[in-house]
Amino acid sequence: MLKKIIVAAAVCGLVAGVALPLQPSPANAKSHAMAGLTCKEAAKLKFPSDVKARHAYKHECKTAWKASHKKTA
């Protein structure tokens, strides 16, 4: 009886592990990818050839980052 319960628990654990998604949803993937980037790197990815737009984006990103970290501190 105890062996059946242990086997059933192991099978349920394996099924639950397989059922969980391995990658985040597309909505969360962007936020996860951007979480490790600096504002400069994010600006380069978003505007690879437009220097003025890159500069403006970097400036807005840094301003938003500072504002969000002042709230939490």
N, C-alpha and C. Protein backbone atom coordinates (compact mmCIF):
# COMPACT_ATOMS: atom_id res chain seq x y z
N MET A 1 0.83 -1.19 0.00
CA MET A 1 0.00 0.00 0.00
C MET A 1 0.88 1.26 0.00
N LEU A 2 1.90 1.28 0.87
CA LEU A 2 2.77 2.44 0.95
C LEU A 2 3.56 2.64 -0.34
N LYS A 3 3.97 1.52 -0.96
CA LYS A 3 4.69 1.61 -2.23
C LYS A 3 3.81 2.23 -3.31
N LYS A 4 2.53 1.88 -3.34
CA LYS A 4 1.61 2.44 -4.34
C LYS A 4 1.46 3.94 -4.14
N ILE A 5 1.40 4.39 -2.91
CA ILE A 5 1.26 5.83 -2.63
C ILE A 5 2.52 6.58 -3.05
N ILE A 6 3.69 6.00 -2.77
CA ILE A 6 4.95 6.64 -3.15
C ILE A 6 5.07 6.71 -4.67
N VAL A 7 4.72 5.64 -5.36
CA VAL A 7 4.79 5.62 -6.82
C VAL A 7 3.80 6.62 -7.40
N ALA A 8 2.60 6.67 -6.84
CA ALA A 8 1.60 7.61 -7.33
C ALA A 8 2.05 9.05 -7.11
N ALA A 9 2.67 9.33 -5.98
CA ALA A 9 3.17 10.68 -5.72
C ALA A 9 4.30 11.06 -6.69
N ALA A 10 5.17 10.10 -6.98
CA ALA A 10 6.26 10.36 -7.92
C ALA A 10 5.72 10.62 -9.32
N VAL A 11 4.73 9.85 -9.74
CA VAL A 11 4.13 10.05 -11.06
C VAL A 11 3.43 11.40 -11.13
N CYS A 12 2.72 11.77 -10.10
CA CYS A 12 2.05 13.08 -10.07
C CYS A 12 3.07 14.21 -10.14
N GLY A 13 4.18 14.04 -9.45
CA GLY A 13 5.23 15.05 -9.49
C GLY A 13 5.82 15.20 -10.87
N LEU A 14 6.05 14.09 -11.55
CA LEU A 14 6.58 14.14 -12.92
C LEU A 14 5.59 14.78 -13.88
N VAL A 15 4.32 14.43 -13.75
CA VAL A 15 3.29 15.01 -14.62
C VAL A 15 3.18 16.51 -14.38
N ALA A 16 3.24 16.94 -13.15
CA ALA A 16 3.16 18.36 -12.83
C ALA A 16 4.38 19.11 -13.37
N GLY A 17 5.55 18.48 -13.28
CA GLY A 17 6.76 19.10 -13.81
C GLY A 17 6.74 19.27 -15.31
N VAL A 18 6.16 18.30 -16.00
CA VAL A 18 6.06 18.38 -17.46
C VAL A 18 5.00 19.39 -17.86
N ALA A 19 3.96 19.53 -17.07
CA ALA A 19 2.86 20.42 -17.42
C ALA A 19 3.22 21.89 -17.27
N LEU A 20 4.22 22.21 -16.43
CA LEU A 20 4.61 23.61 -16.25
C LEU A 20 5.30 24.13 -17.50
N PRO A 21 5.04 25.36 -17.90
CA PRO A 21 5.70 25.91 -19.08
C PRO A 21 7.18 26.15 -18.80
N LEU A 22 8.00 25.85 -19.77
CA LEU A 22 9.44 26.01 -19.61
C LEU A 22 9.89 27.43 -19.88
N GLN A 23 9.19 28.14 -20.78
CA GLN A 23 9.53 29.50 -21.10
C GLN A 23 8.40 30.42 -20.66
N PRO A 24 8.73 31.66 -20.31
CA PRO A 24 7.67 32.59 -19.92
C PRO A 24 6.80 32.95 -21.12
N SER A 25 5.62 33.45 -20.85
CA SER A 25 4.72 33.86 -21.93
C SER A 25 5.35 35.02 -22.70
N PRO A 26 4.90 35.28 -23.92
CA PRO A 26 5.49 36.36 -24.71
C PRO A 26 5.39 37.72 -24.03
N ALA A 27 4.34 37.95 -23.26
CA ALA A 27 4.20 39.23 -22.56
C ALA A 27 5.28 39.38 -21.50
N ASN A 28 5.60 38.30 -20.81
CA ASN A 28 6.61 38.35 -19.77
C ASN A 28 8.02 38.19 -20.31
N ALA A 29 8.16 37.63 -21.50
CA ALA A 29 9.49 37.40 -22.06
C ALA A 29 10.23 38.71 -22.27
N LYS A 30 9.52 39.73 -22.72
CA LYS A 30 10.17 41.02 -22.97
C LYS A 30 10.63 41.64 -21.66
N SER A 31 9.81 41.58 -20.64
CA SER A 31 10.21 42.17 -19.36
C SER A 31 11.37 41.40 -18.74
N HIS A 32 11.38 40.07 -18.91
CA HIS A 32 12.50 39.29 -18.39
C HIS A 32 13.78 39.61 -19.14
N ALA A 33 13.66 39.78 -20.45
CA ALA A 33 14.85 40.08 -21.24
C ALA A 33 15.37 41.47 -20.92
N MET A 34 14.48 42.42 -20.68
CA MET A 34 14.90 43.78 -20.42
C MET A 34 15.39 43.96 -18.98
N ALA A 35 15.07 43.04 -18.11
CA ALA A 35 15.44 43.20 -16.71
C ALA A 35 16.95 43.21 -16.50
N GLY A 36 17.70 42.46 -17.27
CA GLY A 36 19.13 42.39 -17.10
C GLY A 36 19.90 43.40 -17.92
N LEU A 37 19.23 44.21 -18.71
CA LEU A 37 19.90 45.16 -19.60
C LEU A 37 20.03 46.53 -18.95
N THR A 38 21.09 47.21 -19.32
CA THR A 38 21.21 48.61 -18.92
C THR A 38 20.40 49.44 -19.89
N CYS A 39 20.18 50.69 -19.55
CA CYS A 39 19.42 51.57 -20.44
C CYS A 39 20.14 51.74 -21.78
N LYS A 40 21.46 51.79 -21.73
CA LYS A 40 22.25 51.96 -22.96
C LYS A 40 22.08 50.75 -23.88
N GLU A 41 22.14 49.55 -23.31
CA GLU A 41 21.98 48.33 -24.11
C GLU A 41 20.57 48.22 -24.67
N ALA A 42 19.57 48.57 -23.86
CA ALA A 42 18.18 48.51 -24.33
C ALA A 42 17.95 49.50 -25.46
N ALA A 43 18.55 50.68 -25.35
CA ALA A 43 18.40 51.68 -26.40
C ALA A 43 19.06 51.21 -27.70
N LYS A 44 20.21 50.56 -27.59
CA LYS A 44 20.89 50.04 -28.78
C LYS A 44 20.06 48.96 -29.46
N LEU A 45 19.39 48.13 -28.67
CA LEU A 45 18.56 47.08 -29.25
C LEU A 45 17.31 47.66 -29.92
N LYS A 46 16.74 48.68 -29.30
CA LYS A 46 15.50 49.25 -29.84
C LYS A 46 15.75 50.14 -31.06
N PHE A 47 16.82 50.91 -31.03
CA PHE A 47 17.16 51.82 -32.12
C PHE A 47 18.60 51.58 -32.57
N PRO A 48 18.86 50.54 -33.36
CA PRO A 48 20.23 50.23 -33.72
C PRO A 48 20.92 51.25 -34.62
N SER A 49 20.14 51.99 -35.43
CA SER A 49 20.79 52.90 -36.38
C SER A 49 20.47 54.38 -36.15
N ASP A 50 19.53 54.70 -35.29
CA ASP A 50 19.13 56.09 -35.07
C ASP A 50 19.73 56.60 -33.75
N VAL A 51 20.78 57.41 -33.86
CA VAL A 51 21.51 57.86 -32.68
C VAL A 51 20.68 58.82 -31.83
N LYS A 52 19.93 59.71 -32.46
CA LYS A 52 19.13 60.68 -31.70
C LYS A 52 18.00 59.99 -30.92
N ALA A 53 17.34 59.05 -31.57
CA ALA A 53 16.27 58.32 -30.89
C ALA A 53 16.85 57.47 -29.76
N ARG A 54 18.02 56.90 -29.99
CA ARG A 54 18.68 56.09 -28.97
C ARG A 54 19.01 56.94 -27.75
N HIS A 55 19.52 58.15 -27.98
CA HIS A 55 19.86 59.05 -26.88
C HIS A 55 18.61 59.44 -26.08
N ALA A 56 17.54 59.76 -26.79
CA ALA A 56 16.29 60.14 -26.11
C ALA A 56 15.73 58.97 -25.30
N TYR A 57 15.77 57.78 -25.89
CA TYR A 57 15.26 56.60 -25.19
C TYR A 57 16.09 56.32 -23.94
N LYS A 58 17.41 56.43 -24.07
CA LYS A 58 18.29 56.18 -22.92
C LYS A 58 18.01 57.18 -21.80
N HIS A 59 17.81 58.44 -22.17
CA HIS A 59 17.53 59.48 -21.18
C HIS A 59 16.21 59.19 -20.45
N GLU A 60 15.16 58.84 -21.19
CA GLU A 60 13.87 58.53 -20.57
C GLU A 60 13.96 57.28 -19.70
N CYS A 61 14.72 56.31 -20.16
CA CYS A 61 14.89 55.08 -19.39
C CYS A 61 15.57 55.36 -18.05
N LYS A 62 16.63 56.15 -18.08
CA LYS A 62 17.35 56.47 -16.84
C LYS A 62 16.47 57.27 -15.89
N THR A 63 15.70 58.20 -16.44
CA THR A 63 14.80 59.00 -15.60
C THR A 63 13.75 58.11 -14.94
N ALA A 64 13.18 57.19 -15.72
CA ALA A 64 12.17 56.28 -15.16
C ALA A 64 12.79 55.36 -14.12
N TRP A 65 14.01 54.88 -14.38
CA TRP A 65 14.69 53.99 -13.44
C TRP A 65 14.95 54.71 -12.12
N LYS A 66 15.43 55.95 -12.20
CA LYS A 66 15.71 56.71 -10.99
C LYS A 66 14.43 56.96 -10.19
N ALA A 67 13.35 57.29 -10.90
CA ALA A 67 12.07 57.56 -10.22
C ALA A 67 11.56 56.30 -9.53
N SER A 68 11.67 55.15 -10.18
CA SER A 68 11.16 53.92 -9.58
C SER A 68 12.02 53.50 -8.38
N HIS A 69 13.31 53.76 -8.43
CA HIS A 69 14.17 53.37 -7.30
C HIS A 69 14.09 54.36 -6.13
N LYS A 70 13.71 55.58 -6.40
CA LYS A 70 13.53 56.53 -5.29
C LYS A 70 12.27 56.19 -4.52
N LYS A 71 11.25 55.66 -5.22
CA LYS A 71 10.01 55.27 -4.54
C LYS A 71 10.24 54.12 -3.58
N THR A 72 11.05 53.15 -3.98
CA THR A 72 11.26 51.96 -3.17
C THR A 72 12.23 52.23 -2.02
N ALA A 73 13.08 53.20 -2.16
CA ALA A 73 14.09 53.47 -1.13
C ALA A 73 13.54 54.25 0.04
